[in-house]
Protein backbone atom coordinates (compact mmCIF):
# COMPACT_ATOMS: atom_id res chain seq x y z
CA ASP A 1 177.77 42.52 65.60
CA PHE A 2 176.36 46.00 67.08
CA LYS A 3 178.33 46.66 70.12
CA ARG A 4 177.35 50.43 70.75
CA GLY A 5 174.48 52.32 69.53
CA GLN A 6 170.85 52.76 68.34
CA TYR A 7 168.48 52.36 65.11
CA PHE A 8 170.66 49.56 63.41
CA THR A 9 168.49 47.26 60.66
CA LEU A 10 170.08 44.30 59.73
CA SER A 11 167.93 42.46 56.72
CA TYR A 12 168.18 40.19 53.87
CA CYS A 13 171.61 38.79 54.69
CA TYR A 14 172.50 34.74 54.78
CA PHE A 15 174.60 33.33 57.36
CA GLU A 16 176.07 29.72 57.07
CA TYR A 17 178.04 27.73 59.85
CA GLY A 18 178.65 30.45 62.00
CA HIS A 19 179.81 29.30 65.60
CA LYS A 20 178.77 32.57 67.33
CA THR A 21 176.98 34.42 64.76
CA ASN A 22 175.69 38.20 65.92
CA LEU A 23 176.45 39.75 69.01
CA ILE A 24 174.46 43.04 70.31
CA GLY A 25 175.72 44.54 73.11
CA SER A 26 179.37 45.26 73.75
CA SER A 27 178.93 44.35 77.75
CA ASP A 28 176.23 44.05 80.25
CA ALA A 29 176.59 48.04 81.08
CA SER A 30 176.28 49.08 77.55
CA LEU A 31 172.61 49.89 76.16
CA GLN A 32 171.66 49.34 72.55
CA PHE A 33 168.12 50.13 71.59
CA ASN A 34 165.93 49.86 68.50
CA ILE A 35 167.62 46.90 66.77
CA THR A 36 165.74 45.29 63.76
CA PHE A 37 166.60 42.12 62.34
CA HIS A 38 164.03 41.01 59.49
CA HIS A 39 164.31 38.66 56.67
CA ASN A 40 167.56 36.84 57.04
CA ILE A 41 168.38 33.16 56.69
CA TRP A 42 170.55 31.31 59.21
CA LYS A 43 171.96 28.07 58.36
CA ASN A 44 173.38 25.59 60.78
CA CYS A 45 174.59 28.39 62.88
CA ALA A 46 174.94 27.13 66.49
CA SER A 47 174.44 29.80 68.55
CA ARG A 48 173.70 33.81 69.23
CA VAL A 49 170.98 34.32 66.72
CA PRO A 50 171.85 36.79 68.25
CA LEU A 51 173.21 37.06 71.90
CA LEU A 52 171.67 40.29 73.01
CA ARG A 53 172.32 42.39 76.21
CA ASN A 54 170.71 45.16 77.71
CA ALA A 55 168.95 46.08 74.26
CA ASN A 56 165.33 46.27 72.86
CA PHE A 57 165.24 44.16 69.60
CA HIS A 58 162.86 43.41 67.03
CA PHE A 59 163.18 40.17 65.42
CA TYR A 60 160.50 39.12 62.77
CA ASN A 61 159.92 37.27 59.22
CA ASN A 62 163.63 35.39 59.57
CA TYR A 63 164.42 32.11 58.81
CA VAL A 64 166.52 30.00 60.84
CA PHE A 65 167.54 26.22 59.82
CA GLY A 66 169.34 23.66 61.48
CA ASP A 67 170.08 20.33 59.86
CA MET A 68 170.66 18.10 62.69
CA THR A 69 171.72 15.16 60.22
CA ASP A 70 175.11 17.35 58.89
CA SER A 71 177.91 16.38 61.35
CA LYS A 72 179.32 19.96 60.55
CA ALA A 73 176.51 22.00 62.19
CA SER A 74 176.92 22.19 65.88
CA LEU A 75 173.74 23.39 67.15
CA SER A 76 173.13 24.81 70.71
CA TYR A 77 170.74 27.44 70.76
CA ILE A 78 169.11 30.70 68.39
CA ALA A 79 168.81 33.63 70.68
CA SER A 80 170.28 34.17 74.12
CA CYS A 81 168.52 37.35 75.76
CA ARG A 82 170.98 38.78 78.82
CA ALA A 83 171.46 41.87 81.01
CA ASN A 84 167.74 43.03 80.88
CA SER A 85 167.38 42.87 76.99
CA TYR A 86 164.14 42.48 75.68
CA ARG A 87 163.56 40.34 72.47
CA PHE A 88 160.40 40.70 70.62
CA SER A 89 159.74 38.02 68.10
CA GLU A 90 157.19 37.72 65.24
CA HIS A 91 156.35 35.37 62.31
CA ASN A 92 159.87 33.46 62.09
CA TYR A 93 160.46 30.02 60.61
CA LEU A 94 162.09 27.91 62.67
CA ASP A 95 163.11 24.54 61.12
CA GLY A 96 165.43 21.88 63.07
CA CYS A 97 166.16 24.47 65.86
CA LYS A 98 167.12 23.18 69.14
CA ASN A 99 166.81 25.62 71.72
CA VAL A 100 164.62 28.89 70.74
CA CYS A 101 165.86 31.13 73.28
CA GLU A 102 167.80 31.03 76.64
CA THR A 103 166.94 33.94 78.89
CA THR A 104 169.57 34.91 81.67
CA SER A 105 170.55 37.90 84.03
CA GLY A 106 166.98 39.48 83.43
CA GLY A 107 166.53 39.08 79.81
CA VAL A 108 163.26 38.56 78.14
CA SER A 109 161.74 37.07 74.85
CA LYS A 110 158.42 37.93 73.97
CA SER A 111 155.43 38.02 71.59
CA TYR A 112 153.08 41.03 70.74
CA GLY A 113 151.42 42.51 73.48
CA GLU A 114 152.80 40.61 76.33
CA ALA A 115 153.73 42.17 79.61
CA VAL A 116 157.21 42.04 80.77
CA SER A 117 159.30 43.73 83.57
CA ASN A 118 160.87 47.50 83.17
CA LYS A 119 164.20 46.93 84.07
CA CYS A 120 165.16 47.60 80.28
CA GLN A 121 165.49 51.19 80.73
CA PHE A 122 167.80 54.03 79.21
CA GLN A 123 169.35 55.38 82.88
CA ALA A 124 170.53 58.54 81.47
CA ARG A 125 167.09 59.64 80.11
CA ASN A 126 165.00 57.53 82.50
CA ILE A 127 163.25 55.72 79.67
CA ASP A 128 161.07 52.38 80.07
CA PHE A 129 161.44 49.96 77.25
CA SER A 130 159.12 47.22 78.61
CA LYS A 131 156.15 48.28 76.20
CA PHE A 132 158.10 49.05 73.39
CA ASP A 133 156.48 46.80 70.99
CA THR A 134 153.01 48.98 71.44
CA ASP A 135 154.47 52.05 72.26
CA ALA A 136 154.37 54.44 69.37
CA THR A 137 157.07 56.79 70.96
CA LEU A 138 159.56 54.02 70.97
CA PHE A 139 158.61 51.86 68.16
CA TYR A 140 157.40 51.89 64.52
CA TYR A 141 153.82 51.27 65.96
CA ASP A 142 150.13 52.44 64.55
CA ALA A 143 148.45 52.23 67.99
CA SER A 144 145.16 53.16 66.00
CA LYS A 145 145.75 50.34 63.72
CA LYS A 146 147.07 47.97 66.53
CA GLN A 147 149.90 47.16 64.30
CA THR A 148 153.76 47.56 63.61
CA LYS A 149 154.22 49.76 60.50
CA ALA A 150 156.70 47.58 58.89
CA TYR A 151 156.22 44.98 56.12
CA ILE A 152 155.28 41.76 58.25
CA THR A 153 154.09 38.59 56.50
CA ASP A 154 153.33 35.04 58.15
CA ALA A 155 156.06 32.83 58.89
CA VAL A 156 155.38 30.37 56.16
CA THR A 157 155.57 33.43 53.20
CA ALA A 158 158.39 35.02 55.21
CA ARG A 159 160.71 31.75 54.68
CA LYS A 160 159.88 31.70 50.90
CA GLU A 161 160.91 35.45 50.80
CA CYS A 162 163.97 35.14 52.83
CA LEU A 163 164.84 32.31 50.25
CA MET A 164 164.11 34.09 47.42
CA TYR A 165 165.52 37.21 48.52
CA SER A 166 168.22 37.06 51.01
CA GLY A 167 172.14 36.78 50.25
CA VAL A 168 174.67 39.13 49.14
CA MET A 169 173.75 40.42 45.38
CA LYS A 170 171.31 37.73 45.11
CA GLN A 171 171.20 36.93 41.50
CA LYS A 172 169.80 33.34 40.75
CA LYS A 173 166.16 33.38 42.35
CA VAL A 174 165.67 30.53 44.27
CA THR A 175 162.27 28.77 43.07
CA ASN A 176 162.02 25.51 45.18
CA THR A 177 160.66 26.76 48.69
CA SER A 178 159.54 23.41 49.56
CA MET A 179 159.02 23.08 53.65
CA ASN A 180 160.13 21.25 56.20
CA VAL A 181 163.30 19.19 55.96
CA ASN A 182 163.55 18.24 59.18
CA ASN A 183 160.82 16.13 61.16
CA VAL A 184 158.64 18.01 62.79
CA ASN A 185 157.59 17.39 66.29
CA GLY A 186 156.29 20.32 67.90
CA ALA A 187 155.49 23.88 67.38
CA ILE A 188 156.01 27.04 69.46
């Protein structure tokens, strides 16, 4: 959990069977900004991947897997955007997930370049985060190339790299990265 602060990155981690897995924001009044999650795996986690409050958040190249045939997995939702939070999602691989993102209390989940309201502001400095994904003063964005300054791949490559490299002290390299365990009935 990241409850207060700014400029946090969570990368190459592995979570399994968490009920309420990740939280960003200690309360609806506490602003967290410039938080990034990339190249992580969540396997059969019920919810909060993550739950956000008053945050601008970059979520890219992650792999979220839910096995709906597993009786131990109580799958609910992936992300929850609340209290004027912004979730910028890019090239994640979601397999067998029930509800990708719920939004309440002014929370927004967006893809690259989508316009959103400017309610997510750092009040003490009157900073508007509504365009944080394309504003080079707020985000690692190269305006001349019109792309994020980060290692970002397509979702299929991201899934394979997460399987190969994510997890504590990864010593056994995964070589079987075959696709979809679940039957796919739609795409987002």
